Structures are given as C-alpha cells and as structure tokens.
PDB file of N, CA and C in Angstrom:
ATOM      1  N   MET A   1       2.406   8.164  61.986  1.00  0.00           N
ATOM      2  CA  MET A   1       2.520   6.748  62.241  1.00  0.00           C
ATOM      3  C   MET A   1       3.454   6.459  63.424  1.00  0.00           C
ATOM      4  N   TYR A   2       4.546   7.206  63.514  1.00  0.00           N
ATOM      5  CA  TYR A   2       5.508   6.944  64.587  1.00  0.00           C
ATOM      6  C   TYR A   2       5.515   8.034  65.649  1.00  0.00           C
ATOM      7  N   GLN A   3       4.444   8.811  65.734  1.00  0.00           N
ATOM      8  CA  GLN A   3       4.362   9.807  66.797  1.00  0.00           C
ATOM      9  C   GLN A   3       3.772   9.206  68.066  1.00  0.00           C
ATOM     10  N   ASP A   4       3.045   8.131  67.916  1.00  0.00           N
ATOM     11  CA  ASP A   4       2.426   7.442  69.046  1.00  0.00           C
ATOM     12  C   ASP A   4       2.252   5.992  68.606  1.00  0.00           C
ATOM     13  N   PHE A   5       3.093   5.111  69.124  1.00  0.00           N
ATOM     14  CA  PHE A   5       3.072   3.727  68.649  1.00  0.00           C
ATOM     15  C   PHE A   5       3.465   2.775  69.772  1.00  0.00           C
ATOM     16  N   HIS A   6       3.276   1.495  69.503  1.00  0.00           N
ATOM     17  CA  HIS A   6       3.672   0.447  70.436  1.00  0.00           C
ATOM     18  C   HIS A   6       4.721  -0.426  69.763  1.00  0.00           C
ATOM     19  N   ALA A   7       5.592  -0.985  70.566  1.00  0.00           N
ATOM     20  CA  ALA A   7       6.596  -1.933  70.095  1.00  0.00           C
ATOM     21  C   ALA A   7       6.739  -3.013  71.162  1.00  0.00           C
ATOM     22  N   VAL A   8       7.207  -4.162  70.748  1.00  0.00           N
ATOM     23  CA  VAL A   8       7.456  -5.243  71.702  1.00  0.00           C
ATOM     24  C   VAL A   8       8.958  -5.353  71.892  1.00  0.00           C
ATOM     25  N   ASP A   9       9.405  -5.082  73.116  1.00  0.00           N
ATOM     26  CA  ASP A   9      10.823  -5.167  73.441  1.00  0.00           C
ATOM     27  C   ASP A   9      11.290  -6.606  73.258  1.00  0.00           C
ATOM     28  N   ARG A  10      12.350  -6.768  72.486  1.00  0.00           N
ATOM     29  CA  ARG A  10      12.821  -8.118  72.155  1.00  0.00           C
ATOM     30  C   ARG A  10      13.206  -8.926  73.392  1.00  0.00           C
ATOM     31  N   TRP A  11      13.838  -8.306  74.356  1.00  0.00           N
ATOM     32  CA  TRP A  11      14.363  -9.059  75.491  1.00  0.00           C
ATOM     33  C   TRP A  11      13.326  -9.304  76.569  1.00  0.00           C
ATOM     34  N   SER A  12      12.531  -8.315  76.899  1.00  0.00           N
ATOM     35  CA  SER A  12      11.546  -8.497  77.971  1.00  0.00           C
ATOM     36  C   SER A  12      10.228  -9.059  77.462  1.00  0.00           C
ATOM     37  N   LYS A  13      10.020  -8.958  76.142  1.00  0.00           N
ATOM     38  CA  LYS A  13       8.757  -9.360  75.507  1.00  0.00           C
ATOM     39  C   LYS A  13       7.591  -8.479  75.943  1.00  0.00           C
ATOM     40  N   ASN A  14       7.894  -7.372  76.626  1.00  0.00           N
ATOM     41  CA  ASN A  14       6.856  -6.442  77.061  1.00  0.00           C
ATOM     42  C   ASN A  14       6.494  -5.500  75.929  1.00  0.00           C
ATOM     43  N   LYS A  15       5.217  -5.166  75.858  1.00  0.00           N
ATOM     44  CA  LYS A  15       4.752  -4.164  74.911  1.00  0.00           C
ATOM     45  C   LYS A  15       5.008  -2.797  75.546  1.00  0.00           C
ATOM     46  N   VAL A  16       5.728  -1.924  74.819  1.00  0.00           N
ATOM     47  CA  VAL A  16       6.031  -0.595  75.335  1.00  0.00           C
ATOM     48  C   VAL A  16       5.310   0.447  74.486  1.00  0.00           C
ATOM     49  N   HIS A  17       4.927   1.523  75.136  1.00  0.00           N
ATOM     50  CA  HIS A  17       4.223   2.613  74.467  1.00  0.00           C
ATOM     51  C   HIS A  17       5.204   3.753  74.246  1.00  0.00           C
ATOM     52  N   CYS A  18       5.351   4.174  72.997  1.00  0.00           N
ATOM     53  CA  CYS A  18       6.285   5.234  72.625  1.00  0.00           C
ATOM     54  C   CYS A  18       5.493   6.429  72.107  1.00  0.00           C
ATOM     55  N   VAL A  19       5.782   7.603  72.673  1.00  0.00           N
ATOM     56  CA  VAL A  19       5.084   8.821  72.294  1.00  0.00           C
ATOM     57  C   VAL A  19       6.112   9.909  72.015  1.00  0.00           C
ATOM     58  N   TYR A  20       6.009  10.521  70.833  1.00  0.00           N
ATOM     59  CA  TYR A  20       6.862  11.651  70.484  1.00  0.00           C
ATOM     60  C   TYR A  20       6.550  12.806  71.423  1.00  0.00           C
ATOM     61  N   GLN A  21       7.620  13.490  71.882  1.00  0.00           N
ATOM     62  CA  GLN A  21       7.400  14.616  72.774  1.00  0.00           C
ATOM     63  C   GLN A  21       8.013  15.921  72.269  1.00  0.00           C
ATOM     64  N   ALA A  22       9.206  15.881  71.670  1.00  0.00           N
ATOM     65  CA  ALA A  22       9.851  17.136  71.297  1.00  0.00           C
ATOM     66  C   ALA A  22      10.887  16.929  70.197  1.00  0.00           C
ATOM     67  N   LEU A  23      11.128  18.020  69.463  1.00  0.00           N
ATOM     68  CA  LEU A  23      12.193  18.069  68.468  1.00  0.00           C
ATOM     69  C   LEU A  23      13.019  19.315  68.791  1.00  0.00           C
ATOM     70  N   VAL A  24      14.329  19.120  68.961  1.00  0.00           N
ATOM     71  CA  VAL A  24      15.208  20.210  69.377  1.00  0.00           C
ATOM     72  C   VAL A  24      16.442  20.227  68.476  1.00  0.00           C
ATOM     73  N   VAL A  25      16.790  21.404  67.981  1.00  0.00           N
ATOM     74  CA  VAL A  25      18.041  21.535  67.237  1.00  0.00           C
ATOM     75  C   VAL A  25      19.159  21.445  68.266  1.00  0.00           C
ATOM     76  N   ALA A  26      19.977  20.422  68.165  1.00  0.00           N
ATOM     77  CA  ALA A  26      20.928  20.081  69.220  1.00  0.00           C
ATOM     78  C   ALA A  26      22.061  21.084  69.392  1.00  0.00           C
ATOM     79  N   ILE A  27      22.322  21.893  68.385  1.00  0.00           N
ATOM     80  CA  ILE A  27      23.388  22.872  68.545  1.00  0.00           C
ATOM     81  C   ILE A  27      23.062  23.834  69.686  1.00  0.00           C
ATOM     82  N   ALA A  28      21.790  24.075  69.918  1.00  0.00           N
ATOM     83  CA  ALA A  28      21.370  24.995  70.975  1.00  0.00           C
ATOM     84  C   ALA A  28      21.502  24.377  72.369  1.00  0.00           C
ATOM     85  N   THR A  29      21.373  23.070  72.472  1.00  0.00           N
ATOM     86  CA  THR A  29      21.376  22.437  73.792  1.00  0.00           C
ATOM     87  C   THR A  29      22.662  21.706  74.137  1.00  0.00           C
ATOM     88  N   ARG A  30      23.290  21.089  73.130  1.00  0.00           N
ATOM     89  CA  ARG A  30      24.496  20.326  73.439  1.00  0.00           C
ATOM     90  C   ARG A  30      25.617  20.526  72.422  1.00  0.00           C
ATOM     91  N   HIS A  31      25.496  21.591  71.627  1.00  0.00           N
ATOM     92  CA  HIS A  31      26.521  21.984  70.660  1.00  0.00           C
ATOM     93  C   HIS A  31      26.866  20.854  69.692  1.00  0.00           C
ATOM     94  N   ALA A  32      25.831  20.137  69.253  1.00  0.00           N
ATOM     95  CA  ALA A  32      26.012  19.033  68.312  1.00  0.00           C
ATOM     96  C   ALA A  32      25.355  19.401  66.984  1.00  0.00           C
ATOM     97  N   ASP A  33      25.902  18.892  65.902  1.00  0.00           N
ATOM     98  CA  ASP A  33      25.360  19.134  64.569  1.00  0.00           C
ATOM     99  C   ASP A  33      24.285  18.089  64.283  1.00  0.00           C
ATOM    100  N   ALA A  34      23.173  18.198  65.021  1.00  0.00           N
ATOM    101  CA  ALA A  34      22.120  17.188  64.926  1.00  0.00           C
ATOM    102  C   ALA A  34      20.781  17.790  65.326  1.00  0.00           C
ATOM    103  N   VAL A  35      19.755  17.016  65.054  1.00  0.00           N
ATOM    104  CA  VAL A  35      18.413  17.302  65.544  1.00  0.00           C
ATOM    105  C   VAL A  35      18.076  16.182  66.520  1.00  0.00           C
ATOM    106  N   ASP A  36      17.741  16.557  67.745  1.00  0.00           N
ATOM    107  CA  ASP A  36      17.396  15.579  68.777  1.00  0.00           C
ATOM    108  C   ASP A  36      15.886  15.451  68.856  1.00  0.00           C
ATOM    109  N   ILE A  37      15.417  14.219  68.815  1.00  0.00           N
ATOM    110  CA  ILE A  37      13.989  13.962  68.866  1.00  0.00           C
ATOM    111  C   ILE A  37      13.708  13.117  70.102  1.00  0.00           C
ATOM    112  N   LYS A  38      12.852  13.658  70.963  1.00  0.00           N
ATOM    113  CA  LYS A  38      12.565  13.031  72.253  1.00  0.00           C
ATOM    114  C   LYS A  38      11.262  12.243  72.182  1.00  0.00           C
ATOM    115  N   PHE A  39      11.339  11.020  72.694  1.00  0.00           N
ATOM    116  CA  PHE A  39      10.175  10.169  72.866  1.00  0.00           C
ATOM    117  C   PHE A  39      10.071   9.807  74.340  1.00  0.00           C
ATOM    118  N   LEU A  40       8.879   9.507  74.765  1.00  0.00           N
ATOM    119  CA  LEU A  40       8.675   8.872  76.065  1.00  0.00           C
ATOM    120  C   LEU A  40       8.368   7.416  75.779  1.00  0.00           C
ATOM    121  N   VAL A  41       9.166   6.540  76.358  1.00  0.00           N
ATOM    122  CA  VAL A  41       8.984   5.100  76.185  1.00  0.00           C
ATOM    123  C   VAL A  41       8.501   4.570  77.526  1.00  0.00           C
ATOM    124  N   ASP A  42       7.213   4.284  77.582  1.00  0.00           N
ATOM    125  CA  ASP A  42       6.564   3.941  78.855  1.00  0.00           C
ATOM    126  C   ASP A  42       6.881   4.988  79.924  1.00  0.00           C
ATOM    127  N   GLY A  43       6.874   6.254  79.510  1.00  0.00           N
ATOM    128  CA  GLY A  43       7.096   7.362  80.431  1.00  0.00           C
ATOM    129  C   GLY A  43       8.550   7.733  80.650  1.00  0.00           C
ATOM    130  N   ARG A  44       9.477   6.925  80.139  1.00  0.00           N
ATOM    131  CA  ARG A  44      10.910   7.179  80.307  1.00  0.00           C
ATOM    132  C   ARG A  44      11.432   7.941  79.094  1.00  0.00           C
ATOM    133  N   PRO A  45      12.148   9.071  79.303  1.00  0.00           N
ATOM    134  CA  PRO A  45      12.637   9.846  78.158  1.00  0.00           C
ATOM    135  C   PRO A  45      13.734   9.117  77.392  1.00  0.00           C
ATOM    136  N   LEU A  46      13.644   9.198  76.077  1.00  0.00           N
ATOM    137  CA  LEU A  46      14.642   8.598  75.200  1.00  0.00           C
ATOM    138  C   LEU A  46      14.798   9.523  73.998  1.00  0.00           C
ATOM    139  N   TRP A  47      16.041   9.796  73.615  1.00  0.00           N
ATOM    140  CA  TRP A  47      16.337  10.723  72.527  1.00  0.00           C
ATOM    141  C   TRP A  47      16.959   9.980  71.350  1.00  0.00           C
ATOM    142  N   VAL A  48      16.573  10.381  70.145  1.00  0.00           N
ATOM    143  CA  VAL A  48      17.193   9.888  68.913  1.00  0.00           C
ATOM    144  C   VAL A  48      17.779  11.106  68.211  1.00  0.00           C
ATOM    145  N   ALA A  49      19.093  11.089  67.985  1.00  0.00           N
ATOM    146  CA  ALA A  49      19.790  12.209  67.344  1.00  0.00           C
ATOM    147  C   ALA A  49      20.007  11.893  65.863  1.00  0.00           C
ATOM    148  N   LEU A  50      19.486  12.777  65.012  1.00  0.00           N
ATOM    149  CA  LEU A  50      19.673  12.649  63.570  1.00  0.00           C
ATOM    150  C   LEU A  50      20.672  13.718  63.125  1.00  0.00           C
ATOM    151  N   PRO A  51      21.723  13.325  62.399  1.00  0.00           N
ATOM    152  CA  PRO A  51      22.765  14.294  62.024  1.00  0.00           C
ATOM    153  C   PRO A  51      22.293  15.276  60.950  1.00  0.00           C
ATOM    154  N   HIS A  52      22.607  16.560  61.126  1.00  0.00           N
ATOM    155  CA  HIS A  52      22.247  17.575  60.137  1.00  0.00           C
ATOM    156  C   HIS A  52      22.740  17.247  58.731  1.00  0.00           C
ATOM    157  N   PRO A  53      23.941  16.673  58.562  1.00  0.00           N
ATOM    158  CA  PRO A  53      24.386  16.364  57.195  1.00  0.00           C
ATOM    159  C   PRO A  53      23.433  15.432  56.432  1.00  0.00           C
ATOM    160  N   ALA A  54      22.573  14.712  57.130  1.00  0.00           N
ATOM    161  CA  ALA A  54      21.584  13.859  56.447  1.00  0.00           C
ATOM    162  C   ALA A  54      20.601  14.715  55.648  1.00  0.00           C
ATOM    163  N   TRP A  55      20.267  15.908  56.168  1.00  0.00           N
ATOM    164  CA  TRP A  55      19.362  16.812  55.453  1.00  0.00           C
ATOM    165  C   TRP A  55      20.002  17.231  54.121  1.00  0.00           C
ATOM    166  N   VAL A  56      21.281  17.569  54.182  1.00  0.00           N
ATOM    167  CA  VAL A  56      22.009  18.006  52.992  1.00  0.00           C
ATOM    168  C   VAL A  56      22.114  16.866  51.990  1.00  0.00           C
ATOM    169  N   GLU A  57      22.476  15.692  52.466  1.00  0.00           N
ATOM    170  CA  GLU A  57      22.644  14.536  51.580  1.00  0.00           C
ATOM    171  C   GLU A  57      21.326  14.144  50.914  1.00  0.00           C
ATOM    172  N   TYR A  58      20.239  14.151  51.668  1.00  0.00           N
ATOM    173  CA  TYR A  58      18.929  13.805  51.110  1.00  0.00           C
ATOM    174  C   TYR A  58      18.530  14.811  50.035  1.00  0.00           C
ATOM    175  N   LYS A  59      18.748  16.093  50.308  1.00  0.00           N
ATOM    176  CA  LYS A  59      18.430  17.144  49.328  1.00  0.00           C
ATOM    177  C   LYS A  59      19.270  16.959  48.063  1.00  0.00           C
ATOM    178  N   LYS A  60      20.540  16.612  48.237  1.00  0.00           N
ATOM    179  CA  LYS A  60      21.441  16.407  47.101  1.00  0.00           C
ATOM    180  C   LYS A  60      20.991  15.207  46.261  1.00  0.00           C
ATOM    181  N   ARG A  61      20.572  14.127  46.922  1.00  0.00           N
ATOM    182  CA  ARG A  61      20.183  12.901  46.219  1.00  0.00           C
ATOM    183  C   ARG A  61      18.809  13.002  45.562  1.00  0.00           C
ATOM    184  N   THR A  62      17.879  13.712  46.210  1.00  0.00           N
ATOM    185  CA  THR A  62      16.487  13.661  45.756  1.00  0.00           C
ATOM    186  C   THR A  62      15.889  15.001  45.355  1.00  0.00           C
ATOM    187  N   GLY A  63      16.498  16.098  45.797  1.00  0.00           N
ATOM    188  CA  GLY A  63      15.920  17.407  45.564  1.00  0.00           C
ATOM    189  C   GLY A  63      14.808  17.749  46.542  1.00  0.00           C
ATOM    190  N   ARG A  64      14.531  16.858  47.476  1.00  0.00           N
ATOM    191  CA  ARG A  64      13.484  17.092  48.485  1.00  0.00           C
ATOM    192  C   ARG A  64      14.114  17.374  49.837  1.00  0.00           C
ATOM    193  N   VAL A  65      13.297  17.885  50.761  1.00  0.00           N
ATOM    194  CA  VAL A  65      13.795  18.219  52.088  1.00  0.00           C
ATOM    195  C   VAL A  65      13.200  17.287  53.136  1.00  0.00           C
ATOM    196  N   ILE A  66      13.919  17.156  54.233  1.00  0.00           N
ATOM    197  CA  ILE A  66      13.418  16.430  55.393  1.00  0.00           C
ATOM    198  C   ILE A  66      12.686  17.458  56.255  1.00  0.00           C
ATOM    199  N   THR A  67      11.396  17.290  56.376  1.00  0.00           N
ATOM    200  CA  THR A  67      10.595  18.187  57.207  1.00  0.00           C
ATOM    201  C   THR A  67      10.685  17.741  58.667  1.00  0.00           C
ATOM    202  N   ASP A  68      10.219  18.577  59.572  1.00  0.00           N
ATOM    203  CA  ASP A  68      10.185  18.189  60.985  1.00  0.00           C
ATOM    204  C   ASP A  68       9.350  16.932  61.175  1.00  0.00           C
ATOM    205  N   THR A  69       8.204  16.872  60.522  1.00  0.00           N
ATOM    206  CA  THR A  69       7.322  15.700  60.640  1.00  0.00           C
ATOM    207  C   THR A  69       8.029  14.447  60.139  1.00  0.00           C
ATOM    208  N   LEU A  70       8.726  14.548  59.024  1.00  0.00           N
ATOM    209  CA  LEU A  70       9.453  13.402  58.494  1.00  0.00           C
ATOM    210  C   LEU A  70      10.591  13.002  59.429  1.00  0.00           C
ATOM    211  N   ALA A  71      11.263  13.977  60.037  1.00  0.00           N
ATOM    212  CA  ALA A  71      12.336  13.665  60.990  1.00  0.00           C
ATOM    213  C   ALA A  71      11.796  12.868  62.175  1.00  0.00           C
ATOM    214  N   VAL A  72      10.615  13.244  62.661  1.00  0.00           N
ATOM    215  CA  VAL A  72       9.997  12.496  63.770  1.00  0.00           C
ATOM    216  C   VAL A  72       9.684  11.069  63.321  1.00  0.00           C
ATOM    217  N   GLU A  73       9.192  10.925  62.101  1.00  0.00           N
ATOM    218  CA  GLU A  73       8.881   9.588  61.579  1.00  0.00           C
ATOM    219  C   GLU A  73      10.157   8.742  61.447  1.00  0.00           C
ATOM    220  N   ILE A  74      11.231   9.343  60.977  1.00  0.00           N
ATOM    221  CA  ILE A  74      12.508   8.628  60.853  1.00  0.00           C
ATOM    222  C   ILE A  74      12.973   8.148  62.225  1.00  0.00           C
ATOM    223  N   ALA A  75      12.962   9.055  63.197  1.00  0.00           N
ATOM    224  CA  ALA A  75      13.402   8.701  64.550  1.00  0.00           C
ATOM    225  C   ALA A  75      12.502   7.639  65.162  1.00  0.00           C
ATOM    226  N   GLY A  76      11.201   7.761  64.956  1.00  0.00           N
ATOM    227  CA  GLY A  76      10.271   6.763  65.482  1.00  0.00           C
ATOM    228  C   GLY A  76      10.479   5.402  64.849  1.00  0.00           C
ATOM    229  N   HIS A  77      10.714   5.385  63.542  1.00  0.00           N
ATOM    230  CA  HIS A  77      10.981   4.111  62.853  1.00  0.00           C
ATOM    231  C   HIS A  77      12.243   3.471  63.412  1.00  0.00           C
ATOM    232  N   TYR A  78      13.287   4.287  63.585  1.00  0.00           N
ATOM    233  CA  TYR A  78      14.519   3.765  64.175  1.00  0.00           C
ATOM    234  C   TYR A  78      14.247   3.192  65.565  1.00  0.00           C
ATOM    235  N   LEU A  79      13.535   3.953  66.398  1.00  0.00           N
ATOM    236  CA  LEU A  79      13.269   3.530  67.772  1.00  0.00           C
ATOM    237  C   LEU A  79      12.511   2.211  67.806  1.00  0.00           C
ATOM    238  N   LYS A  80      11.477   2.100  67.010  1.00  0.00           N
ATOM    239  CA  LYS A  80      10.700   0.852  66.974  1.00  0.00           C
ATOM    240  C   LYS A  80      11.584  -0.316  66.531  1.00  0.00           C
ATOM    241  N   THR A  81      12.385  -0.090  65.501  1.00  0.00           N
ATOM    242  CA  THR A  81      13.303  -1.120  65.012  1.00  0.00           C
ATOM    243  C   THR A  81      14.304  -1.519  66.094  1.00  0.00           C
ATOM    244  N   ALA A  82      14.857  -0.533  66.784  1.00  0.00           N
ATOM    245  CA  ALA A  82      15.850  -0.799  67.829  1.00  0.00           C
ATOM    246  C   ALA A  82      15.242  -1.604  68.973  1.00  0.00           C
ATOM    247  N   LEU A  83      14.055  -1.227  69.405  1.00  0.00           N
ATOM    248  CA  LEU A  83      13.405  -1.953  70.506  1.00  0.00           C
ATOM    249  C   LEU A  83      13.082  -3.391  70.108  1.00  0.00           C
ATOM    250  N   GLU A  84      12.549  -3.562  68.906  1.00  0.00           N
ATOM    251  CA  GLU A  84      12.119  -4.895  68.476  1.00  0.00           C
ATOM    252  C   GLU A  84      13.282  -5.796  68.097  1.00  0.00           C
ATOM    253  N   SER A  85      14.442  -5.210  67.783  1.00  0.00           N
ATOM    254  CA  SER A  85      15.604  -6.033  67.432  1.00  0.00           C
ATOM    255  C   SER A  85      16.537  -6.271  68.615  1.00  0.00           C
ATOM    256  N   GLY A  86      16.260  -5.597  69.731  1.00  0.00           N
ATOM    257  CA  GLY A  86      17.097  -5.780  70.911  1.00  0.00           C
ATOM    258  C   GLY A  86      18.192  -4.751  71.066  1.00  0.00           C
ATOM    259  N   GLU A  87      18.268  -3.770  70.165  1.00  0.00           N
ATOM    260  CA  GLU A  87      19.289  -2.719  70.267  1.00  0.00           C
ATOM    261  C   GLU A  87      18.908  -1.653  71.276  1.00  0.00           C
ATOM    262  N   GLY A  88      17.646  -1.550  71.616  1.00  0.00           N
ATOM    263  CA  GLY A  88      17.167  -0.463  72.457  1.00  0.00           C
ATOM    264  C   GLY A  88      17.274  -0.753  73.934  1.00  0.00           C
ATOM    265  N   VAL A  89      18.442  -1.182  74.373  1.00  0.00           N
ATOM    266  CA  VAL A  89      18.604  -1.606  75.755  1.00  0.00           C
ATOM    267  C   VAL A  89      19.226  -0.511  76.609  1.00  0.00           C
ATOM    268  N   GLY A  90      18.404   0.121  77.436  1.00  0.00           N
ATOM    269  CA  GLY A  90      18.888   0.957  78.516  1.00  0.00           C
ATOM    270  C   GLY A  90      19.498   2.303  78.240  1.00  0.00           C
ATOM    271  N   ARG A  91      19.766   2.659  77.009  1.00  0.00           N
ATOM    272  CA  ARG A  91      20.373   3.960  76.758  1.00  0.00           C
ATOM    273  C   ARG A  91      19.313   5.041  76.717  1.00  0.00           C
ATOM    274  N   GLU A  92      19.749   6.269  76.990  1.00  0.00           N
ATOM    275  CA  GLU A  92      18.833   7.405  76.930  1.00  0.00           C
ATOM    276  C   GLU A  92      18.958   8.160  75.618  1.00  0.00           C
ATOM    277  N   MET A  93      20.061   7.950  74.875  1.00  0.00           N
ATOM    278  CA  MET A  93      20.251   8.642  73.605  1.00  0.00           C
ATOM    279  C   MET A  93      20.878   7.706  72.580  1.00  0.00           C
ATOM    280  N   TYR A  94      20.350   7.800  71.381  1.00  0.00           N
ATOM    281  CA  TYR A  94      20.866   7.039  70.247  1.00  0.00           C
ATOM    282  C   TYR A  94      21.228   8.036  69.158  1.00  0.00           C
ATOM    283  N   SER A  95      22.444   7.973  68.650  1.00  0.00           N
ATOM    284  CA  SER A  95      22.894   8.867  67.590  1.00  0.00           C
ATOM    285  C   SER A  95      23.049   8.072  66.310  1.00  0.00           C
ATOM    286  N   LEU A  96      22.325   8.476  65.290  1.00  0.00           N
ATOM    287  CA  LEU A  96      22.393   7.797  64.009  1.00  0.00           C
ATOM    288  C   LEU A  96      23.438   8.442  63.116  1.00  0.00           C
ATOM    289  N   THR A  97      23.967   7.669  62.194  1.00  0.00           N
ATOM    290  CA  THR A  97      24.846   8.193  61.156  1.00  0.00           C
ATOM    291  C   THR A  97      23.976   8.733  60.023  1.00  0.00           C
ATOM    292  N   VAL A  98      24.606   9.396  59.067  1.00  0.00           N
ATOM    293  CA  VAL A  98      23.877   9.889  57.898  1.00  0.00           C
ATOM    294  C   VAL A  98      23.239   8.710  57.165  1.00  0.00           C
ATOM    295  N   GLU A  99      24.001   7.663  56.931  1.00  0.00           N
ATOM    296  CA  GLU A  99      23.471   6.514  56.187  1.00  0.00           C
ATOM    297  C   GLU A  99      22.351   5.805  56.951  1.00  0.00           C
ATOM    298  N   GLU A 100      22.478   5.678  58.260  1.00  0.00           N
ATOM    299  CA  GLU A 100      21.392   5.084  59.041  1.00  0.00           C
ATOM    300  C   GLU A 100      20.128   5.940  58.941  1.00  0.00           C
ATOM    301  N   THR A 101      20.307   7.241  59.023  1.00  0.00           N
ATOM    302  CA  THR A 101      19.173   8.157  58.919  1.00  0.00           C
ATOM    303  C   THR A 101      18.480   7.989  57.577  1.00  0.00           C
ATOM    304  N   LEU A 102      19.251   7.954  56.504  1.00  0.00           N
ATOM    305  CA  LEU A 102      18.675   7.818  55.165  1.00  0.00           C
ATOM    306  C   LEU A 102      18.037   6.447  54.971  1.00  0.00           C
ATOM    307  N   LYS A 103      18.598   5.418  55.586  1.00  0.00           N
ATOM    308  CA  LYS A 103      18.006   4.077  55.508  1.00  0.00           C
ATOM    309  C   LYS A 103      16.629   4.065  56.168  1.00  0.00           C
ATOM    310  N   HIS A 104      16.514   4.676  57.330  1.00  0.00           N
ATOM    311  CA  HIS A 104      15.226   4.717  58.020  1.00  0.00           C
ATOM    312  C   HIS A 104      14.252   5.651  57.305  1.00  0.00           C
ATOM    313  N   LEU A 105      14.761   6.719  56.686  1.00  0.00           N
ATOM    314  CA  LEU A 105      13.918   7.602  55.886  1.00  0.00           C
ATOM    315  C   LEU A 105      13.308   6.819  54.728  1.00  0.00           C
ATOM    316  N   GLU A 106      14.122   6.059  54.031  1.00  0.00           N
ATOM    317  CA  GLU A 106      13.620   5.258  52.907  1.00  0.00           C
ATOM    318  C   GLU A 106      12.571   4.250  53.373  1.00  0.00           C
ATOM    319  N   ALA A 107      12.798   3.650  54.524  1.00  0.00           N
ATOM    320  CA  ALA A 107      11.814   2.696  55.062  1.00  0.00           C
ATOM    321  C   ALA A 107      10.488   3.385  55.349  1.00  0.00           C
ATOM    322  N   VAL A 108      10.558   4.599  55.903  1.00  0.00           N
ATOM    323  CA  VAL A 108       9.337   5.345  56.235  1.00  0.00           C
ATOM    324  C   VAL A 108       8.579   5.729  54.971  1.00  0.00           C
ATOM    325  N   VAL A 109       9.277   6.290  53.988  1.00  0.00           N
ATOM    326  CA  VAL A 109       8.569   6.758  52.787  1.00  0.00           C
ATOM    327  C   VAL A 109       8.084   5.606  51.910  1.00  0.00           C
ATOM    328  N   SER A 110       8.641   4.428  52.077  1.00  0.00           N
ATOM    329  CA  SER A 110       8.183   3.288  51.273  1.00  0.00           C
ATOM    330  C   SER A 110       7.060   2.507  51.942  1.00  0.00           C
ATOM    331  N   GLU A 111       6.757   2.819  53.207  1.00  0.00           N
ATOM    332  CA  GLU A 111       5.664   2.129  53.879  1.00  0.00           C
ATOM    333  C   GLU A 111       4.338   2.574  53.281  1.00  0.00           C
ATOM    334  N   PRO A 112       3.402   1.640  53.149  1.00  0.00           N
ATOM    335  CA  PRO A 112       2.081   2.059  52.651  1.00  0.00           C
ATOM    336  C   PRO A 112       1.401   2.980  53.643  1.00  0.00           C
ATOM    337  N   GLU A 113       0.674   3.962  53.127  1.00  0.00           N
ATOM    338  CA  GLU A 113      -0.041   4.885  54.010  1.00  0.00           C
ATOM    339  C   GLU A 113      -1.225   4.160  54.625  1.00  0.00           C
ATOM    340  N   VAL A 114      -1.404   4.418  55.906  1.00  0.00           N
ATOM    341  CA  VAL A 114      -2.508   3.804  56.632  1.00  0.00           C
ATOM    342  C   VAL A 114      -3.656   4.803  56.693  1.00  0.00           C
ATOM    343  N   GLU A 115      -4.809   4.342  56.293  1.00  0.00           N
ATOM    344  CA  GLU A 115      -5.993   5.191  56.363  1.00  0.00           C
ATOM    345  C   GLU A 115      -6.461   5.275  57.803  1.00  0.00           C
ATOM    346  N   PRO A 116      -6.815   6.465  58.283  1.00  0.00           N
ATOM    347  CA  PRO A 116      -7.307   6.575  59.658  1.00  0.00           C
ATOM    348  C   PRO A 116      -8.637   5.837  59.814  1.00  0.00           C
ATOM    349  N   VAL A 117      -8.811   5.246  60.967  1.00  0.00           N
ATOM    350  CA  VAL A 117     -10.055   4.553  61.278  1.00  0.00           C
ATOM    351  C   VAL A 117     -11.076   5.601  61.719  1.00  0.00           C
ATOM    352  N   THR A 118     -12.236   5.586  61.078  1.00  0.00           N
ATOM    353  CA  THR A 118     -13.269   6.569  61.455  1.00  0.00           C
ATOM    354  C   THR A 118     -14.475   5.910  62.058  1.00  0.00           C
TER     355      THR A 118
END
C-alpha cells in the first residue's frame, strides 16, 4: 500500500508521487541504531529512519516481529502523514521515535486491506 503512493502536500497543494526504493540497516552506513528506508518523492530522495528498539518493543508487546515489508509500510504511512499534515517540508531525513514508529505500525495494521484491481 505504501510502496508506491500519492499524497497531497499540505502547503503547495501539489500531488506528489512517492515510491519506495531501499531499506538499509543504518549501522552499516551511518553508525545509527536504526533502519533507514528510502523513498523517492517526485524523484527527490527522502529517508525515514525507524529505530531498532521499536522491533524489540513490538516483539515484547505482541510476540510478533516487524518484517522488512511492514517496516516499509510504517515508513510510507509516516511519510504520507507528514506530507499531508505539513510536516514534510524540505528535509531529506526524518527520524522517528519508538513510540512514533509503533503508532504508525498500529495505523498500518488497522487499515482495511485493499483488494487489487484486476
């Protein structure tokens, strides 16, 4: 759902196209305890960093794991929310807290599943 989506930027009112491009364990690239998820927003790179402790906390609370696919969905949900609320102004990287990550995870898993159009 959030690997390729559109959002309307709150300030410009322009429709932007967001496409997932990569997931990188940040300790390897910037020595951070996070997973960095890269999107192209109208061709411009934008990263959403999800903290590793969110994986531990989610497992502790639910007994389930955050998969790579779910991490992309969490980051995409955050990105769409940020753009549409006006928070997504001009930065190239957004770092979420554990609680923000879990809040967006809950939003993603509670959304109704969309049937593919055939």
